[in-house]
Amino acid sequence: MKNMAKVLLADANEEFRALLAGAIGKTGEFTVVGSTGDGLEALRLCEEQEPDLIVSDIRMPLMDGLTMLAKAEKVLPTVRSIILSGYDEFEFARQAVSLHCLGYLLKPISAAEFTEALTDARKKLDED
């Protein structure tokens, strides 16, 4: 049996984070090691928990998701991410690609879409 990959959730909407955590738990491939609504706390949790994957929104209080992910990669070069955003802006997507992002999903997302992104992320994590 392979190890559970560790996931950190960062999104300002607490209810949305709870839904994501539920979907993550159902995969049997991941375990949520932290959940927060702001980028600064996400960075602290990243340093503390050393997740394999960060699922993050772009717009959050204290530090935006892209800045947090860039700082997280400096601390944990192997960490990968899935970005969730309500913004369909090319510049955000371009920055996400430079951050070893495994997925860029536009909100609102479906459970099936998120589960598929997690499955793809797990395959890529296993390859690394």
C-alpha atoms as a PDB file:
ATOM      1  CA  MET A   1       0.000   0.000   0.000  1.00  0.00           C
ATOM      2  CA  LYS A   2       1.366   3.395  -0.925  1.00  0.00           C
ATOM      3  CA  ASN A   3       1.684   6.226   1.538  1.00  0.00           C
ATOM      4  CA  MET A   4      -1.037   8.812   1.850  1.00  0.00           C
ATOM      5  CA  ALA A   5       0.063  12.089   0.284  1.00  0.00           C
ATOM      6  CA  LYS A   6      -0.241  15.081   2.622  1.00  0.00           C
ATOM      7  CA  VAL A   7      -2.450  17.995   1.518  1.00  0.00           C
ATOM      8  CA  LEU A   8      -2.687  21.540   2.828  1.00  0.00           C
ATOM      9  CA  LEU A   9      -5.899  23.473   2.063  1.00  0.00           C
ATOM     10  CA  ALA A  10      -5.843  27.267   1.756  1.00  0.00           C
ATOM     11  CA  ASP A  11      -9.050  29.097   0.858  1.00  0.00           C
ATOM     12  CA  ALA A  12     -10.780  32.032   2.544  1.00  0.00           C
ATOM     13  CA  ASN A  13     -14.164  30.246   2.468  1.00  0.00           C
ATOM     14  CA  GLU A  14     -14.370  27.875   5.438  1.00  0.00           C
ATOM     15  CA  GLU A  15     -17.387  25.944   4.102  1.00  0.00           C
ATOM     16  CA  PHE A  16     -15.646  25.431   0.761  1.00  0.00           C
ATOM     17  CA  ARG A  17     -12.527  24.119   2.561  1.00  0.00           C
ATOM     18  CA  ALA A  18     -14.720  21.636   4.442  1.00  0.00           C
ATOM     19  CA  LEU A  19     -16.210  20.391   1.144  1.00  0.00           C
ATOM     20  CA  LEU A  20     -12.715  20.047  -0.342  1.00  0.00           C
ATOM     21  CA  ALA A  21     -11.520  18.149   2.737  1.00  0.00           C
ATOM     22  CA  GLY A  22     -14.453  15.758   2.389  1.00  0.00           C
ATOM     23  CA  ALA A  23     -13.659  15.106  -1.276  1.00  0.00           C
ATOM     24  CA  ILE A  24      -9.971  14.604  -0.429  1.00  0.00           C
ATOM     25  CA  GLY A  25     -10.827  12.116   2.315  1.00  0.00           C
ATOM     26  CA  LYS A  26     -12.953  10.034  -0.056  1.00  0.00           C
ATOM     27  CA  THR A  27     -10.022   9.430  -2.415  1.00  0.00           C
ATOM     28  CA  GLY A  28      -8.141   7.246   0.065  1.00  0.00           C
ATOM     29  CA  GLU A  29      -4.950   8.655  -1.473  1.00  0.00           C
ATOM     30  CA  PHE A  30      -4.540  11.847   0.559  1.00  0.00           C
ATOM     31  CA  THR A  31      -4.764  13.118   4.104  1.00  0.00           C
ATOM     32  CA  VAL A  32      -5.412  16.759   4.992  1.00  0.00           C
ATOM     33  CA  VAL A  33      -2.638  17.997   7.293  1.00  0.00           C
ATOM     34  CA  GLY A  34      -3.775  21.605   7.536  1.00  0.00           C
ATOM     35  CA  SER A  35      -6.567  23.964   6.561  1.00  0.00           C
ATOM     36  CA  THR A  36      -6.592  27.753   6.706  1.00  0.00           C
ATOM     37  CA  GLY A  37      -8.228  30.833   5.276  1.00  0.00           C
ATOM     38  CA  ASP A  38      -5.192  33.049   4.814  1.00  0.00           C
ATOM     39  CA  GLY A  39      -1.937  32.818   2.903  1.00  0.00           C
ATOM     40  CA  LEU A  40       0.342  33.727   5.790  1.00  0.00           C
ATOM     41  CA  GLU A  41      -1.017  30.924   7.960  1.00  0.00           C
ATOM     42  CA  ALA A  42      -0.827  28.571   4.968  1.00  0.00           C
ATOM     43  CA  LEU A  43       2.880  29.306   4.625  1.00  0.00           C
ATOM     44  CA  ARG A  44       3.408  28.654   8.352  1.00  0.00           C
ATOM     45  CA  LEU A  45       1.497  25.362   8.107  1.00  0.00           C
ATOM     46  CA  CYS A  46       3.487  24.419   5.025  1.00  0.00           C
ATOM     47  CA  GLU A  47       6.753  24.838   6.914  1.00  0.00           C
ATOM     48  CA  GLU A  48       5.363  22.892   9.880  1.00  0.00           C
ATOM     49  CA  GLN A  49       3.519  20.049   8.105  1.00  0.00           C
ATOM     50  CA  GLU A  50       5.618  19.654   4.909  1.00  0.00           C
ATOM     51  CA  PRO A  51       2.694  18.756   2.614  1.00  0.00           C
ATOM     52  CA  ASP A  52       3.155  17.030  -0.729  1.00  0.00           C
ATOM     53  CA  LEU A  53       0.337  19.074  -2.281  1.00  0.00           C
ATOM     54  CA  ILE A  54      -1.160  22.493  -1.576  1.00  0.00           C
ATOM     55  CA  VAL A  55      -4.696  23.223  -2.772  1.00  0.00           C
ATOM     56  CA  SER A  56      -5.007  27.000  -2.735  1.00  0.00           C
ATOM     57  CA  ASP A  57      -7.193  29.860  -3.790  1.00  0.00           C
ATOM     58  CA  ILE A  58      -5.467  32.895  -5.290  1.00  0.00           C
ATOM     59  CA  ARG A  59      -7.322  35.626  -3.402  1.00  0.00           C
ATOM     60  CA  MET A  60      -6.852  35.313   0.350  1.00  0.00           C
ATOM     61  CA  PRO A  61      -6.245  37.716   3.227  1.00  0.00           C
ATOM     62  CA  LEU A  62      -2.734  38.596   4.464  1.00  0.00           C
ATOM     63  CA  MET A  63      -0.937  36.937   1.521  1.00  0.00           C
ATOM     64  CA  ASP A  64      -2.332  35.886  -1.857  1.00  0.00           C
ATOM     65  CA  GLY A  65      -2.097  32.267  -2.964  1.00  0.00           C
ATOM     66  CA  LEU A  66       0.491  32.782  -5.712  1.00  0.00           C
ATOM     67  CA  THR A  67       2.884  34.622  -3.367  1.00  0.00           C
ATOM     68  CA  MET A  68       2.370  31.943  -0.707  1.00  0.00           C
ATOM     69  CA  LEU A  69       3.059  29.144  -3.203  1.00  0.00           C
ATOM     70  CA  ALA A  70       6.239  30.831  -4.443  1.00  0.00           C
ATOM     71  CA  LYS A  71       7.492  31.154  -0.850  1.00  0.00           C
ATOM     72  CA  ALA A  72       6.411  27.581  -0.037  1.00  0.00           C
ATOM     73  CA  GLU A  73       8.443  26.221  -2.975  1.00  0.00           C
ATOM     74  CA  LYS A  74      11.549  27.923  -1.588  1.00  0.00           C
ATOM     75  CA  VAL A  75      11.046  26.080   1.711  1.00  0.00           C
ATOM     76  CA  LEU A  76       9.838  22.800   0.150  1.00  0.00           C
ATOM     77  CA  PRO A  77      11.165  22.477  -3.419  1.00  0.00           C
ATOM     78  CA  THR A  78       9.213  19.247  -4.004  1.00  0.00           C
ATOM     79  CA  VAL A  79       5.785  20.617  -3.021  1.00  0.00           C
ATOM     80  CA  ARG A  80       3.220  20.779  -5.802  1.00  0.00           C
ATOM     81  CA  SER A  81      -0.052  22.665  -6.007  1.00  0.00           C
ATOM     82  CA  ILE A  82      -3.549  22.832  -7.407  1.00  0.00           C
ATOM     83  CA  ILE A  83      -4.911  26.357  -7.724  1.00  0.00           C
ATOM     84  CA  LEU A  84      -8.611  27.123  -7.398  1.00  0.00           C
ATOM     85  CA  SER A  85      -9.699  30.520  -8.616  1.00  0.00           C
ATOM     86  CA  GLY A  86     -12.724  32.544  -9.481  1.00  0.00           C
ATOM     87  CA  TYR A  87     -10.543  34.558 -11.866  1.00  0.00           C
ATOM     88  CA  ASP A  88     -10.144  33.509 -15.489  1.00  0.00           C
ATOM     89  CA  GLU A  89      -7.068  35.674 -16.054  1.00  0.00           C
ATOM     90  CA  PHE A  90      -4.174  34.553 -18.213  1.00  0.00           C
ATOM     91  CA  GLU A  91      -1.588  36.229 -15.967  1.00  0.00           C
ATOM     92  CA  PHE A  92      -2.673  34.121 -12.978  1.00  0.00           C
ATOM     93  CA  ALA A  93      -2.489  30.941 -15.054  1.00  0.00           C
ATOM     94  CA  ARG A  94       0.961  31.923 -16.382  1.00  0.00           C
ATOM     95  CA  GLN A  95       2.243  32.454 -12.836  1.00  0.00           C
ATOM     96  CA  ALA A  96       0.702  29.143 -11.755  1.00  0.00           C
ATOM     97  CA  VAL A  97       2.645  27.262 -14.441  1.00  0.00           C
ATOM     98  CA  SER A  98       5.904  28.778 -13.177  1.00  0.00           C
ATOM     99  CA  LEU A  99       5.048  27.446  -9.687  1.00  0.00           C
ATOM    100  CA  HIS A 100       4.922  23.732 -10.622  1.00  0.00           C
ATOM    101  CA  CYS A 101       1.147  23.870 -10.449  1.00  0.00           C
ATOM    102  CA  LEU A 102      -0.512  20.546 -11.316  1.00  0.00           C
ATOM    103  CA  GLY A 103      -3.931  22.067 -11.946  1.00  0.00           C
ATOM    104  CA  TYR A 104      -5.716  25.401 -12.315  1.00  0.00           C
ATOM    105  CA  LEU A 105      -9.433  25.000 -11.687  1.00  0.00           C
ATOM    106  CA  LEU A 106     -11.965  27.778 -12.128  1.00  0.00           C
ATOM    107  CA  LYS A 107     -14.642  28.140  -9.457  1.00  0.00           C
ATOM    108  CA  PRO A 108     -17.283  26.970  -9.171  1.00  0.00           C
ATOM    109  CA  ILE A 109     -15.825  23.489  -9.495  1.00  0.00           C
ATOM    110  CA  SER A 110     -17.677  20.194  -9.421  1.00  0.00           C
ATOM    111  CA  ALA A 111     -16.762  17.334  -7.107  1.00  0.00           C
ATOM    112  CA  ALA A 112     -15.953  15.210 -10.176  1.00  0.00           C
ATOM    113  CA  GLU A 113     -13.621  17.886 -11.583  1.00  0.00           C
ATOM    114  CA  PHE A 114     -11.808  18.227  -8.244  1.00  0.00           C
ATOM    115  CA  THR A 115     -11.508  14.451  -7.799  1.00  0.00           C
ATOM    116  CA  GLU A 116     -10.069  14.139 -11.306  1.00  0.00           C
ATOM    117  CA  ALA A 117      -7.509  16.869 -10.532  1.00  0.00           C
ATOM    118  CA  LEU A 118      -6.542  15.007  -7.333  1.00  0.00           C
ATOM    119  CA  THR A 119      -6.149  11.723  -9.228  1.00  0.00           C
ATOM    120  CA  ASP A 120      -3.920  13.414 -11.812  1.00  0.00           C
ATOM    121  CA  ALA A 121      -1.931  15.127  -9.052  1.00  0.00           C
ATOM    122  CA  ARG A 122      -1.379  11.814  -7.267  1.00  0.00           C
ATOM    123  CA  LYS A 123      -0.022  10.227 -10.457  1.00  0.00           C
ATOM    124  CA  LYS A 124       2.398  13.115 -10.926  1.00  0.00           C
ATOM    125  CA  LEU A 125       3.473  13.035  -7.271  1.00  0.00           C
ATOM    126  CA  ASP A 126       4.166   9.307  -7.584  1.00  0.00           C
ATOM    127  CA  GLU A 127       6.252   9.920 -10.714  1.00  0.00           C
ATOM    128  CA  ASP A 128       8.416  12.565  -8.998  1.00  0.00           C
END
